[in-house]
């Protein structure tokens, strides 16, 4: 993983965008990578748009993903796909909620973690680091549901 990997997570306030970015950043850090993170809250407390940039690699100098250079766009809310598509580089991967069978999730609020599972299939970060980060950032009562959501997302086919 010599190059910097750029991930933008986008959604609406209350959907767990910031929690997802915290888990991603922690998993990358646990894998021994340099990690930088930035977020834009907007009107998140009113259900408005929220984005978070996470960059990781051997050496990362800036927390912000340059415009049009995201390797991955993780959209938690379907209506945030087109709003943020311009952030994705040509050939970058869109990971959107239509790829997750929400009926299979024991807790529908775990969609953000399921999407991280889908993202994880593209990254060279060991599953143990992801699961440790999930446990570190969520209350114990949510560990099992989120581990299940992560596994469901990891098994999903992502374009």
Protein backbone atom coordinates (compact mmCIF):
# COMPACT_ATOMS: atom_id res chain seq x y z
CA UNK A 1 0.00 0.00 0.00
CA UNK A 2 2.68 2.53 -0.93
CA UNK A 3 0.31 5.08 -2.47
CA UNK A 4 -2.20 7.12 -0.52
CA UNK A 5 -5.74 5.75 -0.57
CA UNK A 6 -8.49 8.38 -0.59
CA UNK A 7 -11.96 7.60 0.76
CA UNK A 8 -14.94 9.96 1.02
CA UNK A 9 -17.88 8.86 3.15
CA UNK A 10 -21.08 10.80 2.46
CA UNK A 11 -24.52 10.74 4.00
CA UNK A 12 -26.96 12.70 6.11
CA UNK A 13 -26.73 13.80 9.72
CA UNK A 14 -27.55 10.91 12.05
CA UNK A 15 -26.60 8.14 9.60
CA UNK A 16 -23.22 7.45 11.17
CA UNK A 17 -20.94 9.09 8.60
CA UNK A 18 -18.54 10.33 11.26
CA UNK A 19 -18.65 7.04 13.16
CA UNK A 20 -17.88 5.16 9.94
CA UNK A 21 -14.93 7.44 9.20
CA UNK A 22 -13.64 6.96 12.76
CA UNK A 23 -13.79 3.17 12.33
CA UNK A 24 -12.09 3.31 8.92
CA UNK A 25 -9.33 5.59 10.22
CA UNK A 26 -8.80 3.37 13.27
CA UNK A 27 -8.64 0.18 11.16
CA UNK A 28 -6.04 1.76 8.85
CA UNK A 29 -4.04 2.99 11.86
CA UNK A 30 -4.13 -0.50 13.41
CA UNK A 31 -2.76 -1.80 10.09
CA UNK A 32 0.28 0.43 10.60
CA UNK A 33 -0.63 3.11 8.09
CA UNK A 34 -0.35 6.88 8.38
CA UNK A 35 -3.91 8.23 8.57
CA UNK A 36 -5.44 11.69 8.23
CA UNK A 37 -9.14 12.53 8.52
CA UNK A 38 -11.30 15.60 7.90
CA UNK A 39 -15.04 16.18 8.00
CA UNK A 40 -17.63 18.66 6.84
CA UNK A 41 -20.72 18.73 9.05
CA UNK A 42 -22.89 21.23 7.19
CA UNK A 43 -26.35 21.16 8.71
CA UNK A 44 -25.82 17.62 10.00
CA UNK A 45 -27.79 18.17 13.18
CA UNK A 46 -30.83 18.81 11.00
CA UNK A 47 -30.36 15.82 8.71
CA UNK A 48 -28.25 17.76 6.24
CA UNK A 49 -25.28 16.57 4.21
CA UNK A 50 -22.21 15.26 6.00
CA UNK A 51 -18.97 14.15 4.37
CA UNK A 52 -15.79 12.82 5.86
CA UNK A 53 -12.46 12.37 4.08
CA UNK A 54 -10.12 9.60 5.21
CA UNK A 55 -6.67 9.29 3.66
CA UNK A 56 -4.15 6.59 4.52
CA UNK A 57 -0.90 5.13 3.25
CA UNK A 58 2.81 5.13 4.06
CA UNK A 59 2.86 8.91 4.39
CA UNK A 60 -0.13 11.26 4.21
CA UNK A 61 0.50 15.00 4.24
CA UNK A 62 -3.04 16.42 4.10
CA UNK A 63 -6.37 15.26 5.56
CA UNK A 64 -8.47 16.53 2.66
CA UNK A 65 -9.09 14.38 -0.42
CA UNK A 66 -8.27 16.54 -3.45
CA UNK A 67 -11.28 17.26 -5.68
CA UNK A 68 -11.84 14.41 -8.12
CA UNK A 69 -9.26 12.12 -6.50
CA UNK A 70 -11.31 9.88 -4.21
CA UNK A 71 -10.51 6.23 -4.85
CA UNK A 72 -13.73 5.27 -3.06
CA UNK A 73 -16.98 7.10 -2.45
CA UNK A 74 -19.04 5.43 0.26
CA UNK A 75 -22.56 6.84 0.09
CA UNK A 76 -24.76 5.98 3.05
CA UNK A 77 -27.73 7.94 1.67
CA UNK A 78 -28.77 7.34 -1.96
CA UNK A 79 -29.47 11.05 -2.49
CA UNK A 80 -25.84 11.85 -1.66
CA UNK A 81 -24.43 9.87 -4.60
CA UNK A 82 -24.89 12.47 -7.34
CA UNK A 83 -24.13 15.36 -4.98
CA UNK A 84 -20.69 13.86 -4.26
CA UNK A 85 -19.88 11.90 -7.44
CA UNK A 86 -17.55 14.70 -8.62
CA UNK A 87 -15.23 13.80 -5.73
CA UNK A 88 -14.60 10.33 -7.21
CA UNK A 89 -11.65 9.91 -9.55
CA UNK A 90 -12.13 8.33 -12.96
CA UNK A 91 -12.08 4.60 -12.35
CA UNK A 92 -12.82 5.04 -8.64
CA UNK A 93 -15.36 2.80 -6.91
CA UNK A 94 -18.78 3.88 -5.71
CA UNK A 95 -20.02 1.91 -2.72
CA UNK A 96 -23.69 2.66 -2.29
CA UNK A 97 -26.48 1.36 -0.05
CA UNK A 98 -28.26 -0.46 -2.88
CA UNK A 99 -25.51 -3.11 -2.61
CA UNK A 100 -26.56 -4.05 0.93
CA UNK A 101 -29.60 -6.18 1.72
CA UNK A 102 -30.87 -4.16 4.66
CA UNK A 103 -33.37 -6.92 5.45
CA UNK A 104 -30.38 -9.10 6.37
CA UNK A 105 -29.16 -6.59 8.97
CA UNK A 106 -30.26 -7.29 12.54
CA UNK A 107 -30.13 -3.53 13.18
CA UNK A 108 -30.92 -1.17 10.25
CA UNK A 109 -28.78 1.53 11.89
CA UNK A 110 -25.76 -0.69 11.11
CA UNK A 111 -25.90 0.22 7.40
CA UNK A 112 -22.82 2.43 7.79
CA UNK A 113 -20.82 -0.52 9.14
CA UNK A 114 -22.19 -2.84 6.43
CA UNK A 115 -20.92 -0.35 3.83
CA UNK A 116 -17.52 -0.39 5.55
CA UNK A 117 -17.61 -4.17 5.13
CA UNK A 118 -18.20 -3.66 1.40
CA UNK A 119 -15.33 -1.16 1.29
CA UNK A 120 -13.05 -3.55 3.18
CA UNK A 121 -13.24 -6.06 0.31
CA UNK A 122 -11.28 -3.51 -1.77
CA UNK A 123 -8.61 -2.67 0.80
CA UNK A 124 -5.55 -4.45 2.14
CA UNK A 125 -6.53 -4.00 5.77
CA UNK A 126 -6.90 -7.24 7.71
CA UNK A 127 -10.38 -8.09 8.93
CA UNK A 128 -9.09 -8.31 12.51
CA UNK A 129 -8.19 -4.60 12.38
CA UNK A 130 -11.68 -3.71 11.17
CA UNK A 131 -13.37 -5.74 13.90
CA UNK A 132 -11.09 -4.28 16.59
CA UNK A 133 -11.93 -0.77 15.36
CA UNK A 134 -15.66 -1.55 15.41
CA UNK A 135 -15.37 -2.79 19.01
CA UNK A 136 -13.35 0.29 19.99
CA UNK A 137 -15.86 2.79 18.61
CA UNK A 138 -19.20 1.23 19.50
CA UNK A 139 -20.77 0.24 22.80
CA UNK A 140 -20.48 -3.44 23.71
CA UNK A 141 -24.22 -4.01 23.26
CA UNK A 142 -23.81 -3.13 19.56
CA UNK A 143 -20.73 -5.26 18.83
CA UNK A 144 -22.52 -8.39 17.63
CA UNK A 145 -25.00 -6.59 15.36
CA UNK A 146 -22.24 -4.51 13.80
CA UNK A 147 -19.88 -7.48 13.34
CA UNK A 148 -22.77 -9.18 11.52
CA UNK A 149 -23.40 -6.07 9.42
CA UNK A 150 -19.70 -5.82 8.55
CA UNK A 151 -19.67 -9.47 7.44
CA UNK A 152 -22.82 -8.95 5.35
CA UNK A 153 -21.25 -5.95 3.61
CA UNK A 154 -17.94 -7.74 3.10
CA UNK A 155 -19.80 -10.54 1.33
CA UNK A 156 -21.77 -8.14 -0.90
CA UNK A 157 -20.77 -7.68 -4.53
CA UNK A 158 -19.52 -4.15 -4.96
CA UNK A 159 -18.99 -2.39 -8.28
